[in-house]
Amino acid sequence: MSDFWAGYLSGALGIVIGNPLDVIKVRLQAGNRTDASTTSHLSRFEKASSLVRGAAAPILGYGALNAILFVAYNRTLKSIDSSITDTTNPDGVSLSKIWIAGAVGGMASWTVSSPTEFIKCRAQLDSRPEVSSWTVVKDIYRHRGWRGLYYGGSITGARDAIGYGFYFWSYELCKRLMTTENESSNQATLKVLLCGGIAGIVTWGSVFPLDMVKTRLQAQTMHDHVGEAAEGRALLGRSRRTLNSFQIAREVYRAEGVRAFYRGLGICSIRAFIVNAVQWAAYEWLMKALSSPGVAHGVPAEGGI
């Protein structure tokens, strides 16, 4: 139970810290630049409240996501290698096995991450004043039903599987490369911060094109709301035609080139390093505070891959 609460609280902290940069990242990915100048685009960030849009859904959802991720990762890693006794220190275990276990954990967390990501994306792109995650949920349900919360679920699942595979893989690789004998407490803390931050950057670098396509796929639903018809047309290049992931990728490449798939990666990398460094440090501290000696625990997820 301690690993659940440590993961939940550290994940919530990561969302609070990283959401302002995540809002910017999502809007850059959506490509809303066709009929707005830089000044008018930035004016949408004048109110501080706009920078925390969409945070409610991840904060509420990532507790369950982390719990599912931890259990799936730990069980999968132990089933792959029965010699493992402590999944937090899988020394000697093949990094490929760690990647597979992370990918399985990512897929298992899809049931929570898919609707959470959709709600967050819609809330961050919505220009209506004082919009909330609950407002977005009601809009989605009104136009698409409860199944509509999983719109874009396939590409979200692919992103999570690949991303969490590299997340656990890169974190463990970084720890092994930085391990030294007679490590002091300060060195151990610095290692957690650096490895967590690096793992976040590696994760997003591995799946950013998928995340961009997911954002544009989900941005298409903005025209569900009558008041957002103009916004929806702008995000779709002034088309109401609904495209699938492959069609979006093809049209983006044709119209904007390869660079469009990585638009916002810089701000996302800064966010990823800060969020994951703080989240890992918070998680380790919380585990020490909540766990009794000898209790095995899992590893934290990145709040909002």
C-alpha atoms as a PDB file:
ATOM      1  CA  MET A   1       0.000   0.000   0.000  1.00  0.00           C
ATOM      2  CA  SER A   2       2.925   2.348   0.686  1.00  0.00           C
ATOM      3  CA  ASP A   3       4.150   2.120  -2.902  1.00  0.00           C
ATOM      4  CA  PHE A   4       0.664   3.054  -4.138  1.00  0.00           C
ATOM      5  CA  TRP A   5       0.531   6.245  -2.055  1.00  0.00           C
ATOM      6  CA  ALA A   6       4.151   7.147  -2.767  1.00  0.00           C
ATOM      7  CA  GLY A   7       3.478   6.739  -6.473  1.00  0.00           C
ATOM      8  CA  TYR A   8       0.180   8.615  -6.289  1.00  0.00           C
ATOM      9  CA  LEU A   9       1.524  11.607  -4.362  1.00  0.00           C
ATOM     10  CA  SER A  10       4.765  11.905  -6.338  1.00  0.00           C
ATOM     11  CA  GLY A  11       2.810  11.574  -9.582  1.00  0.00           C
ATOM     12  CA  ALA A  12       0.368  14.299  -8.497  1.00  0.00           C
ATOM     13  CA  LEU A  13       3.305  16.534  -7.588  1.00  0.00           C
ATOM     14  CA  GLY A  14       4.817  15.937 -11.015  1.00  0.00           C
ATOM     15  CA  ILE A  15       1.550  16.903 -12.727  1.00  0.00           C
ATOM     16  CA  VAL A  16       1.269  20.141 -10.721  1.00  0.00           C
ATOM     17  CA  ILE A  17       4.854  21.107 -11.558  1.00  0.00           C
ATOM     18  CA  GLY A  18       4.796  20.026 -15.185  1.00  0.00           C
ATOM     19  CA  ASN A  19       1.300  20.993 -16.352  1.00  0.00           C
ATOM     20  CA  PRO A  20       2.100  24.599 -17.379  1.00  0.00           C
ATOM     21  CA  LEU A  21       4.788  23.378 -19.783  1.00  0.00           C
ATOM     22  CA  ASP A  22       2.536  20.525 -20.884  1.00  0.00           C
ATOM     23  CA  VAL A  23      -0.153  23.021 -21.940  1.00  0.00           C
ATOM     24  CA  ILE A  24       2.370  24.784 -24.179  1.00  0.00           C
ATOM     25  CA  LYS A  25       3.601  21.469 -25.586  1.00  0.00           C
ATOM     26  CA  VAL A  26       0.102  20.279 -26.495  1.00  0.00           C
ATOM     27  CA  ARG A  27      -0.808  23.541 -28.220  1.00  0.00           C
ATOM     28  CA  LEU A  28       2.423  23.516 -30.219  1.00  0.00           C
ATOM     29  CA  GLN A  29       1.716  19.926 -31.294  1.00  0.00           C
ATOM     30  CA  ALA A  30      -1.829  20.806 -32.314  1.00  0.00           C
ATOM     31  CA  GLY A  31      -0.385  23.204 -34.857  1.00  0.00           C
ATOM     32  CA  ASN A  32      -2.824  26.030 -34.131  1.00  0.00           C
ATOM     33  CA  ARG A  33      -0.866  28.619 -36.094  1.00  0.00           C
ATOM     34  CA  THR A  34      -2.877  29.058 -39.267  1.00  0.00           C
ATOM     35  CA  ASP A  35      -4.840  32.170 -38.388  1.00  0.00           C
ATOM     36  CA  ALA A  36      -3.194  33.584 -35.312  1.00  0.00           C
ATOM     37  CA  SER A  37      -0.103  35.683 -34.819  1.00  0.00           C
ATOM     38  CA  THR A  38       2.487  34.933 -32.186  1.00  0.00           C
ATOM     39  CA  THR A  39       1.085  37.701 -30.012  1.00  0.00           C
ATOM     40  CA  SER A  40      -2.488  36.405 -30.113  1.00  0.00           C
ATOM     41  CA  HIS A  41      -1.248  32.862 -29.523  1.00  0.00           C
ATOM     42  CA  LEU A  42       0.678  33.887 -26.428  1.00  0.00           C
ATOM     43  CA  SER A  43      -2.247  35.957 -25.175  1.00  0.00           C
ATOM     44  CA  ARG A  44      -3.996  32.684 -24.352  1.00  0.00           C
ATOM     45  CA  PHE A  45      -1.458  32.252 -21.546  1.00  0.00           C
ATOM     46  CA  GLU A  46      -2.048  35.646 -19.932  1.00  0.00           C
ATOM     47  CA  LYS A  47      -4.244  34.177 -17.200  1.00  0.00           C
ATOM     48  CA  ALA A  48      -2.407  31.912 -14.785  1.00  0.00           C
ATOM     49  CA  SER A  49      -5.417  29.583 -14.691  1.00  0.00           C
ATOM     50  CA  SER A  50      -4.841  28.637 -18.349  1.00  0.00           C
ATOM     51  CA  LEU A  51      -1.523  27.048 -17.397  1.00  0.00           C
ATOM     52  CA  VAL A  52      -3.137  24.556 -15.028  1.00  0.00           C
ATOM     53  CA  ARG A  53      -5.887  23.510 -17.439  1.00  0.00           C
ATOM     54  CA  GLY A  54      -6.375  19.788 -17.693  1.00  0.00           C
ATOM     55  CA  ALA A  55      -4.477  19.051 -14.490  1.00  0.00           C
ATOM     56  CA  ALA A  56      -7.476  17.706 -12.565  1.00  0.00           C
ATOM     57  CA  ALA A  57      -7.912  14.589 -14.685  1.00  0.00           C
ATOM     58  CA  PRO A  58      -4.251  13.476 -14.447  1.00  0.00           C
ATOM     59  CA  ILE A  59      -4.029  14.207 -10.712  1.00  0.00           C
ATOM     60  CA  LEU A  60      -7.126  12.103 -10.036  1.00  0.00           C
ATOM     61  CA  GLY A  61      -6.256   9.404 -12.566  1.00  0.00           C
ATOM     62  CA  TYR A  62      -2.553   8.795 -12.081  1.00  0.00           C
ATOM     63  CA  GLY A  63      -2.952   7.219  -8.660  1.00  0.00           C
ATOM     64  CA  ALA A  64      -4.783   4.313 -10.289  1.00  0.00           C
ATOM     65  CA  LEU A  65      -2.458   4.418 -13.304  1.00  0.00           C
ATOM     66  CA  ASN A  66       0.639   4.120 -11.105  1.00  0.00           C
ATOM     67  CA  ALA A  67      -0.843   1.278  -9.089  1.00  0.00           C
ATOM     68  CA  ILE A  68      -1.636  -0.693 -12.261  1.00  0.00           C
ATOM     69  CA  LEU A  69       1.760   0.130 -13.757  1.00  0.00           C
ATOM     70  CA  PHE A  70       3.681  -0.963 -10.655  1.00  0.00           C
ATOM     71  CA  VAL A  71       1.874  -4.259 -10.309  1.00  0.00           C
ATOM     72  CA  ALA A  72       2.117  -5.114 -14.015  1.00  0.00           C
ATOM     73  CA  TYR A  73       5.802  -4.167 -14.221  1.00  0.00           C
ATOM     74  CA  ASN A  74       6.798  -6.064 -11.071  1.00  0.00           C
ATOM     75  CA  ARG A  75       4.795  -9.202 -11.907  1.00  0.00           C
ATOM     76  CA  THR A  76       6.001  -9.259 -15.513  1.00  0.00           C
ATOM     77  CA  LEU A  77       9.654  -8.794 -14.579  1.00  0.00           C
ATOM     78  CA  LYS A  78       9.448 -11.567 -11.995  1.00  0.00           C
ATOM     79  CA  SER A  79       7.710 -13.896 -14.449  1.00  0.00           C
ATOM     80  CA  ILE A  80      10.414 -13.233 -17.057  1.00  0.00           C
ATOM     81  CA  ASP A  81      13.238 -13.794 -14.571  1.00  0.00           C
ATOM     82  CA  SER A  82      12.297 -15.906 -11.552  1.00  0.00           C
ATOM     83  CA  SER A  83      15.629 -15.116  -9.864  1.00  0.00           C
ATOM     84  CA  ILE A  84      14.531 -11.531  -9.136  1.00  0.00           C
ATOM     85  CA  THR A  85      13.743 -10.847  -5.481  1.00  0.00           C
ATOM     86  CA  ASP A  86      13.733  -7.044  -5.520  1.00  0.00           C
ATOM     87  CA  THR A  87      12.434  -5.320  -8.641  1.00  0.00           C
ATOM     88  CA  THR A  88      13.807  -1.955  -7.476  1.00  0.00           C
ATOM     89  CA  ASN A  89      17.363  -3.239  -7.807  1.00  0.00           C
ATOM     90  CA  PRO A  90      17.326  -5.784 -10.646  1.00  0.00           C
ATOM     91  CA  ASP A  91      21.099  -6.031 -10.855  1.00  0.00           C
ATOM     92  CA  GLY A  92      22.263  -8.500 -13.460  1.00  0.00           C
ATOM     93  CA  VAL A  93      18.890  -8.633 -15.177  1.00  0.00           C
ATOM     94  CA  SER A  94      18.992  -8.077 -18.927  1.00  0.00           C
ATOM     95  CA  LEU A  95      17.941  -4.573 -19.912  1.00  0.00           C
ATOM     96  CA  SER A  96      15.819  -6.089 -22.679  1.00  0.00           C
ATOM     97  CA  LYS A  97      13.748  -7.888 -20.020  1.00  0.00           C
ATOM     98  CA  ILE A  98      13.310  -4.623 -18.156  1.00  0.00           C
ATOM     99  CA  TRP A  99      12.134  -2.947 -21.376  1.00  0.00           C
ATOM    100  CA  ILE A 100       9.570  -5.700 -21.990  1.00  0.00           C
ATOM    101  CA  ALA A 101       8.270  -5.493 -18.416  1.00  0.00           C
ATOM    102  CA  GLY A 102       7.967  -1.715 -18.728  1.00  0.00           C
ATOM    103  CA  ALA A 103       6.089  -2.063 -22.029  1.00  0.00           C
ATOM    104  CA  VAL A 104       3.644  -4.524 -20.465  1.00  0.00           C
ATOM    105  CA  GLY A 105       3.145  -2.127 -17.566  1.00  0.00           C
ATOM    106  CA  GLY A 106       2.455   0.694 -20.020  1.00  0.00           C
ATOM    107  CA  MET A 107      -0.133  -1.353 -21.860  1.00  0.00           C
ATOM    108  CA  ALA A 108      -1.789  -2.361 -18.584  1.00  0.00           C
ATOM    109  CA  SER A 109      -2.095   1.283 -17.537  1.00  0.00           C
ATOM    110  CA  TRP A 110      -3.909   2.113 -20.790  1.00  0.00           C
ATOM    111  CA  THR A 111      -7.354   1.731 -19.198  1.00  0.00           C
ATOM    112  CA  VAL A 112      -6.633   4.821 -17.109  1.00  0.00           C
ATOM    113  CA  SER A 113      -4.166   6.756 -19.259  1.00  0.00           C
ATOM    114  CA  SER A 114      -6.314   6.768 -22.414  1.00  0.00           C
ATOM    115  CA  PRO A 115      -9.339   8.700 -21.056  1.00  0.00           C
ATOM    116  CA  THR A 116      -7.105  10.797 -18.808  1.00  0.00           C
ATOM    117  CA  GLU A 117      -4.964  11.910 -21.750  1.00  0.00           C
ATOM    118  CA  PHE A 118      -8.003  12.667 -23.908  1.00  0.00           C
ATOM    119  CA  ILE A 119      -9.634  14.799 -21.225  1.00  0.00           C
ATOM    120  CA  LYS A 120      -6.362  16.631 -20.530  1.00  0.00           C
ATOM    121  CA  CYS A 121      -5.733  17.296 -24.214  1.00  0.00           C
ATOM    122  CA  ARG A 122      -9.232  18.632 -24.798  1.00  0.00           C
ATOM    123  CA  ALA A 123      -9.101  20.854 -21.708  1.00  0.00           C
ATOM    124  CA  GLN A 124      -5.740  22.326 -22.682  1.00  0.00           C
ATOM    125  CA  LEU A 125      -6.889  23.153 -26.227  1.00  0.00           C
ATOM    126  CA  ASP A 126     -10.291  24.546 -25.242  1.00  0.00           C
ATOM    127  CA  SER A 127     -10.458  28.358 -25.477  1.00  0.00           C
ATOM    128  CA  ARG A 128     -13.675  28.698 -23.478  1.00  0.00           C
ATOM    129  CA  PRO A 129     -13.147  30.710 -20.273  1.00  0.00           C
ATOM    130  CA  GLU A 130     -12.878  28.756 -17.018  1.00  0.00           C
ATOM    131  CA  VAL A 131     -13.170  25.401 -18.763  1.00  0.00           C
ATOM    132  CA  SER A 132     -12.602  22.414 -16.469  1.00  0.00           C
ATOM    133  CA  SER A 133     -11.909  18.719 -16.880  1.00  0.00           C
ATOM    134  CA  TRP A 134     -15.483  17.999 -15.788  1.00  0.00           C
ATOM    135  CA  THR A 135     -16.803  20.313 -18.505  1.00  0.00           C
ATOM    136  CA  VAL A 136     -14.791  18.376 -21.060  1.00  0.00           C
ATOM    137  CA  VAL A 137     -16.063  15.023 -19.760  1.00  0.00           C
ATOM    138  CA  LYS A 138     -19.661  16.193 -20.129  1.00  0.00           C
ATOM    139  CA  ASP A 139     -18.984  17.434 -23.680  1.00  0.00           C
ATOM    140  CA  ILE A 140     -17.412  14.118 -24.682  1.00  0.00           C
ATOM    141  CA  TYR A 141     -20.239  12.094 -23.150  1.00  0.00           C
ATOM    142  CA  ARG A 142     -22.897  14.274 -24.771  1.00  0.00           C
ATOM    143  CA  HIS A 143     -21.482  13.811 -28.274  1.00  0.00           C
ATOM    144  CA  ARG A 144     -19.740  10.419 -28.113  1.00  0.00           C
ATOM    145  CA  GLY A 145     -21.000   8.523 -25.070  1.00  0.00           C
ATOM    146  CA  TRP A 146     -18.774   6.868 -22.480  1.00  0.00           C
ATOM    147  CA  ARG A 147     -16.883   4.965 -25.190  1.00  0.00           C
ATOM    148  CA  GLY A 148     -15.847   8.347 -26.555  1.00  0.00           C
ATOM    149  CA  LEU A 149     -13.500   8.787 -23.585  1.00  0.00           C
ATOM    150  CA  TYR A 150     -11.253   6.215 -25.275  1.00  0.00           C
ATOM    151  CA  TYR A 151     -11.043   8.111 -28.556  1.00  0.00           C
ATOM    152  CA  GLY A 152      -7.423   7.788 -29.718  1.00  0.00           C
ATOM    153  CA  GLY A 153      -6.935   4.829 -27.387  1.00  0.00           C
ATOM    154  CA  SER A 154      -4.951   2.703 -29.858  1.00  0.00           C
ATOM    155  CA  ILE A 155      -2.217   5.241 -30.456  1.00  0.00           C
ATOM    156  CA  THR A 156      -2.193   6.138 -26.747  1.00  0.00           C
ATOM    157  CA  GLY A 157      -1.631   2.463 -25.912  1.00  0.00           C
ATOM    158  CA  ALA A 158       1.218   2.204 -28.434  1.00  0.00           C
ATOM    159  CA  ARG A 159       2.789   5.359 -27.048  1.00  0.00           C
ATOM    160  CA  ASP A 160       2.549   4.129 -23.451  1.00  0.00           C
ATOM    161  CA  ALA A 161       3.933   0.670 -24.214  1.00  0.00           C
ATOM    162  CA  ILE A 162       6.957   2.005 -26.090  1.00  0.00           C
ATOM    163  CA  GLY A 163       7.441   4.970 -23.779  1.00  0.00           C
ATOM    164  CA  TYR A 164       7.306   3.069 -20.486  1.00  0.00           C
ATOM    165  CA  GLY A 165       9.543   0.383 -21.958  1.00  0.00           C
ATOM    166  CA  PHE A 166      12.234   2.990 -22.560  1.00  0.00           C
ATOM    167  CA  TYR A 167      11.412   4.708 -19.267  1.00  0.00           C
ATOM    168  CA  PHE A 168      12.330   1.743 -17.094  1.00  0.00           C
ATOM    169  CA  TRP A 169      15.135   0.699 -19.450  1.00  0.00           C
ATOM    170  CA  SER A 170      16.839   4.108 -19.454  1.00  0.00           C
ATOM    171  CA  TYR A 171      16.441   4.617 -15.713  1.00  0.00           C
ATOM    172  CA  GLU A 172      18.022   1.270 -14.904  1.00  0.00           C
ATOM    173  CA  LEU A 173      20.797   1.798 -17.471  1.00  0.00           C
ATOM    174  CA  CYS A 174      21.573   5.225 -16.022  1.00  0.00           C
ATOM    175  CA  LYS A 175      21.695   3.833 -12.481  1.00  0.00           C
ATOM    176  CA  ARG A 176      24.123   1.110 -13.515  1.00  0.00           C
ATOM    177  CA  LEU A 177      26.394   3.573 -15.286  1.00  0.00           C
ATOM    178  CA  MET A 178      26.434   5.946 -12.296  1.00  0.00           C
ATOM    179  CA  THR A 179      26.827   3.347  -9.540  1.00  0.00           C
ATOM    180  CA  THR A 180      29.984   3.793  -7.478  1.00  0.00           C
ATOM    181  CA  GLU A 181      31.409   2.084  -4.415  1.00  0.00           C
ATOM    182  CA  ASN A 182      30.849   3.644  -0.995  1.00  0.00           C
ATOM    183  CA  GLU A 183      28.163   5.956  -2.313  1.00  0.00           C
ATOM    184  CA  SER A 184      27.253   8.816   0.035  1.00  0.00           C
ATOM    185  CA  SER A 185      23.680   9.919   0.677  1.00  0.00           C
ATOM    186  CA  ASN A 186      24.247  13.088  -1.338  1.00  0.00           C
ATOM    187  CA  GLN A 187      25.606  11.079  -4.260  1.00  0.00           C
ATOM    188  CA  ALA A 188      22.632   8.707  -4.071  1.00  0.00           C
ATOM    189  CA  THR A 189      20.205  11.637  -4.117  1.00  0.00           C
ATOM    190  CA  LEU A 190      21.992  13.240  -7.064  1.00  0.00           C
ATOM    191  CA  LYS A 191      21.882   9.923  -8.922  1.00  0.00           C
ATOM    192  CA  VAL A 192      18.136   9.641  -8.403  1.00  0.00           C
ATOM    193  CA  LEU A 193      17.602  13.195  -9.669  1.00  0.00           C
ATOM    194  CA  LEU A 194      19.820  12.814 -12.735  1.00  0.00           C
ATOM    195  CA  CYS A 195      18.642   9.318 -13.692  1.00  0.00           C
ATOM    196  CA  GLY A 196      14.999  10.273 -13.251  1.00  0.00           C
ATOM    197  CA  GLY A 197      15.430  13.379 -15.381  1.00  0.00           C
ATOM    198  CA  ILE A 198      17.365  11.557 -18.089  1.00  0.00           C
ATOM    199  CA  ALA A 199      14.790   8.748 -18.165  1.00  0.00           C
ATOM    200  CA  GLY A 200      12.059  11.317 -18.734  1.00  0.00           C
ATOM    201  CA  ILE A 201      13.898  12.863 -21.694  1.00  0.00           C
ATOM    202  CA  VAL A 202      14.685   9.466 -23.247  1.00  0.00           C
ATOM    203  CA  THR A 203      11.069   8.386 -22.867  1.00  0.00           C
ATOM    204  CA  TRP A 204       9.618  11.405 -24.622  1.00  0.00           C
ATOM    205  CA  GLY A 205      12.283  11.348 -27.311  1.00  0.00           C
ATOM    206  CA  SER A 206      11.300   7.781 -28.151  1.00  0.00           C
ATOM    207  CA  VAL A 207       7.566   8.471 -28.553  1.00  0.00           C
ATOM    208  CA  PHE A 208       7.205  12.169 -29.387  1.00  0.00           C
ATOM    209  CA  PRO A 209       6.044  11.661 -33.008  1.00  0.00           C
ATOM    210  CA  LEU A 210       3.367   9.252 -31.752  1.00  0.00           C
ATOM    211  CA  ASP A 211       2.322  11.762 -29.111  1.00  0.00           C
ATOM    212  CA  MET A 212       2.056  14.524 -31.710  1.00  0.00           C
ATOM    213  CA  VAL A 213      -0.197  12.396 -33.915  1.00  0.00           C
ATOM    214  CA  LYS A 214      -2.281  11.479 -30.843  1.00  0.00           C
ATOM    215  CA  THR A 215      -2.699  15.154 -29.972  1.00  0.00           C
ATOM    216  CA  ARG A 216      -3.869  16.060 -33.478  1.00  0.00           C
ATOM    217  CA  LEU A 217      -6.162  13.039 -33.609  1.00  0.00           C
ATOM    218  CA  GLN A 218      -7.846  14.051 -30.368  1.00  0.00           C
ATOM    219  CA  ALA A 219      -7.856  17.742 -31.342  1.00  0.00           C
ATOM    220  CA  GLN A 220     -10.228  16.845 -34.176  1.00  0.00           C
ATOM    221  CA  THR A 221     -13.001  16.376 -31.624  1.00  0.00           C
ATOM    222  CA  MET A 222     -12.868  20.059 -30.694  1.00  0.00           C
ATOM    223  CA  HIS A 223     -15.613  20.716 -33.263  1.00  0.00           C
ATOM    224  CA  ASP A 224     -17.957  18.479 -31.227  1.00  0.00           C
ATOM    225  CA  HIS A 225     -18.660  21.591 -29.211  1.00  0.00           C
ATOM    226  CA  VAL A 226     -20.607  24.088 -31.287  1.00  0.00           C
ATOM    227  CA  GLY A 227     -18.753  27.041 -29.843  1.00  0.00           C
ATOM    228  CA  GLU A 228     -15.431  25.524 -30.890  1.00  0.00           C
ATOM    229  CA  ALA A 229     -16.263  24.927 -34.573  1.00  0.00           C
ATOM    230  CA  ALA A 230     -13.808  27.535 -35.803  1.00  0.00           C
ATOM    231  CA  GLU A 231     -11.073  26.207 -33.538  1.00  0.00           C
ATOM    232  CA  GLY A 232     -11.684  22.666 -34.726  1.00  0.00           C
ATOM    233  CA  ARG A 233     -11.461  23.693 -38.372  1.00  0.00           C
ATOM    234  CA  ALA A 234      -8.196  25.511 -37.710  1.00  0.00           C
ATOM    235  CA  LEU A 235      -6.688  22.485 -36.018  1.00  0.00           C
ATOM    236  CA  LEU A 236      -7.684  20.314 -38.964  1.00  0.00           C
ATOM    237  CA  GLY A 237      -6.464  22.686 -41.589  1.00  0.00           C
ATOM    238  CA  ARG A 238     -10.022  24.004 -42.072  1.00  0.00           C
ATOM    239  CA  SER A 239     -11.485  20.583 -42.673  1.00  0.00           C
ATOM    240  CA  ARG A 240     -14.286  18.861 -40.796  1.00  0.00           C
ATOM    241  CA  ARG A 241     -13.243  15.485 -42.184  1.00  0.00           C
ATOM    242  CA  THR A 242     -12.234  13.059 -39.433  1.00  0.00           C
ATOM    243  CA  LEU A 243      -8.858  11.450 -40.099  1.00  0.00           C
ATOM    244  CA  ASN A 244      -7.290   8.377 -38.535  1.00  0.00           C
ATOM    245  CA  SER A 245      -3.758   8.261 -37.138  1.00  0.00           C
ATOM    246  CA  PHE A 246      -2.110   7.142 -40.387  1.00  0.00           C
ATOM    247  CA  GLN A 247      -3.926   9.788 -42.436  1.00  0.00           C
ATOM    248  CA  ILE A 248      -2.928  12.505 -39.974  1.00  0.00           C
ATOM    249  CA  ALA A 249       0.716  11.393 -40.057  1.00  0.00           C
ATOM    250  CA  ARG A 250       0.708  11.381 -43.862  1.00  0.00           C
ATOM    251  CA  GLU A 251      -0.910  14.812 -44.161  1.00  0.00           C
ATOM    252  CA  VAL A 252       1.360  16.370 -41.540  1.00  0.00           C
ATOM    253  CA  TYR A 253       4.455  15.032 -43.307  1.00  0.00           C
ATOM    254  CA  ARG A 254       3.182  16.225 -46.681  1.00  0.00           C
ATOM    255  CA  ALA A 255       2.222  19.701 -45.479  1.00  0.00           C
ATOM    256  CA  GLU A 256       4.769  20.446 -42.741  1.00  0.00           C
ATOM    257  CA  GLY A 257       7.616  17.970 -43.103  1.00  0.00           C
ATOM    258  CA  VAL A 258       9.439  15.882 -40.515  1.00  0.00           C
ATOM    259  CA  ARG A 259      10.047  18.815 -38.181  1.00  0.00           C
ATOM    260  CA  ALA A 260       6.331  18.993 -37.374  1.00  0.00           C
ATOM    261  CA  PHE A 261       6.548  15.629 -35.614  1.00  0.00           C
ATOM    262  CA  TYR A 262       9.036  17.105 -33.144  1.00  0.00           C
ATOM    263  CA  ARG A 263       7.469  20.530 -32.606  1.00  0.00           C
ATOM    264  CA  GLY A 264       7.400  21.152 -28.871  1.00  0.00           C
ATOM    265  CA  LEU A 265      10.048  18.523 -28.067  1.00  0.00           C
ATOM    266  CA  GLY A 266      12.359  21.152 -26.556  1.00  0.00           C
ATOM    267  CA  ILE A 267       9.822  22.412 -24.030  1.00  0.00           C
ATOM    268  CA  CYS A 268       8.707  18.829 -23.413  1.00  0.00           C
ATOM    269  CA  SER A 269      12.288  17.727 -22.648  1.00  0.00           C
ATOM    270  CA  ILE A 270      12.712  20.526 -20.121  1.00  0.00           C
ATOM    271  CA  ARG A 271       9.429  19.525 -18.517  1.00  0.00           C
ATOM    272  CA  ALA A 272      10.336  15.836 -18.569  1.00  0.00           C
ATOM    273  CA  PHE A 273      13.660  16.368 -16.833  1.00  0.00           C
ATOM    274  CA  ILE A 274      12.232  18.602 -14.098  1.00  0.00           C
ATOM    275  CA  VAL A 275       9.113  16.516 -13.488  1.00  0.00           C
ATOM    276  CA  ASN A 276      10.861  13.154 -13.379  1.00  0.00           C
ATOM    277  CA  ALA A 277      13.791  14.367 -11.301  1.00  0.00           C
ATOM    278  CA  VAL A 278      11.430  15.828  -8.685  1.00  0.00           C
ATOM    279  CA  GLN A 279       9.043  12.883  -8.909  1.00  0.00           C
ATOM    280  CA  TRP A 280      11.730  10.262  -8.355  1.00  0.00           C
ATOM    281  CA  ALA A 281      13.189  12.209  -5.418  1.00  0.00           C
ATOM    282  CA  ALA A 282       9.727  12.620  -3.889  1.00  0.00           C
ATOM    283  CA  TYR A 283       8.936   8.969  -4.465  1.00  0.00           C
ATOM    284  CA  GLU A 284      12.129   7.761  -2.792  1.00  0.00           C
ATOM    285  CA  TRP A 285      11.549  10.028   0.197  1.00  0.00           C
ATOM    286  CA  LEU A 286       7.913   8.958   0.518  1.00  0.00           C
ATOM    287  CA  MET A 287       8.829   5.285   0.296  1.00  0.00           C
ATOM    288  CA  LYS A 288      11.305   5.694   3.142  1.00  0.00           C
ATOM    289  CA  ALA A 289       8.663   7.515   5.185  1.00  0.00           C
ATOM    290  CA  LEU A 290       5.802   5.116   4.434  1.00  0.00           C
ATOM    291  CA  SER A 291       7.499   1.737   4.091  1.00  0.00           C
ATOM    292  CA  SER A 292       8.561  -0.470   6.939  1.00  0.00           C
ATOM    293  CA  PRO A 293      12.083  -1.907   6.681  1.00  0.00           C
ATOM    294  CA  GLY A 294      12.411  -4.682   4.134  1.00  0.00           C
ATOM    295  CA  VAL A 295       9.161  -3.966   2.276  1.00  0.00           C
ATOM    296  CA  ALA A 296       9.665  -4.250  -1.475  1.00  0.00           C
ATOM    297  CA  HIS A 297       8.310  -1.508  -3.605  1.00  0.00           C
ATOM    298  CA  GLY A 298       7.909  -0.564  -7.227  1.00  0.00           C
ATOM    299  CA  VAL A 299       9.031   2.372  -9.287  1.00  0.00           C
ATOM    300  CA  PRO A 300       7.155   5.546 -10.159  1.00  0.00           C
ATOM    301  CA  ALA A 301       5.529   6.413 -13.439  1.00  0.00           C
ATOM    302  CA  GLU A 302       6.030   9.720 -15.223  1.00  0.00           C
ATOM    303  CA  GLY A 303       2.914  11.695 -14.498  1.00  0.00           C
ATOM    304  CA  GLY A 304       1.564  12.124 -18.076  1.00  0.00           C
ATOM    305  CA  ILE A 305       3.717  10.502 -20.503  1.00  0.00           C
END
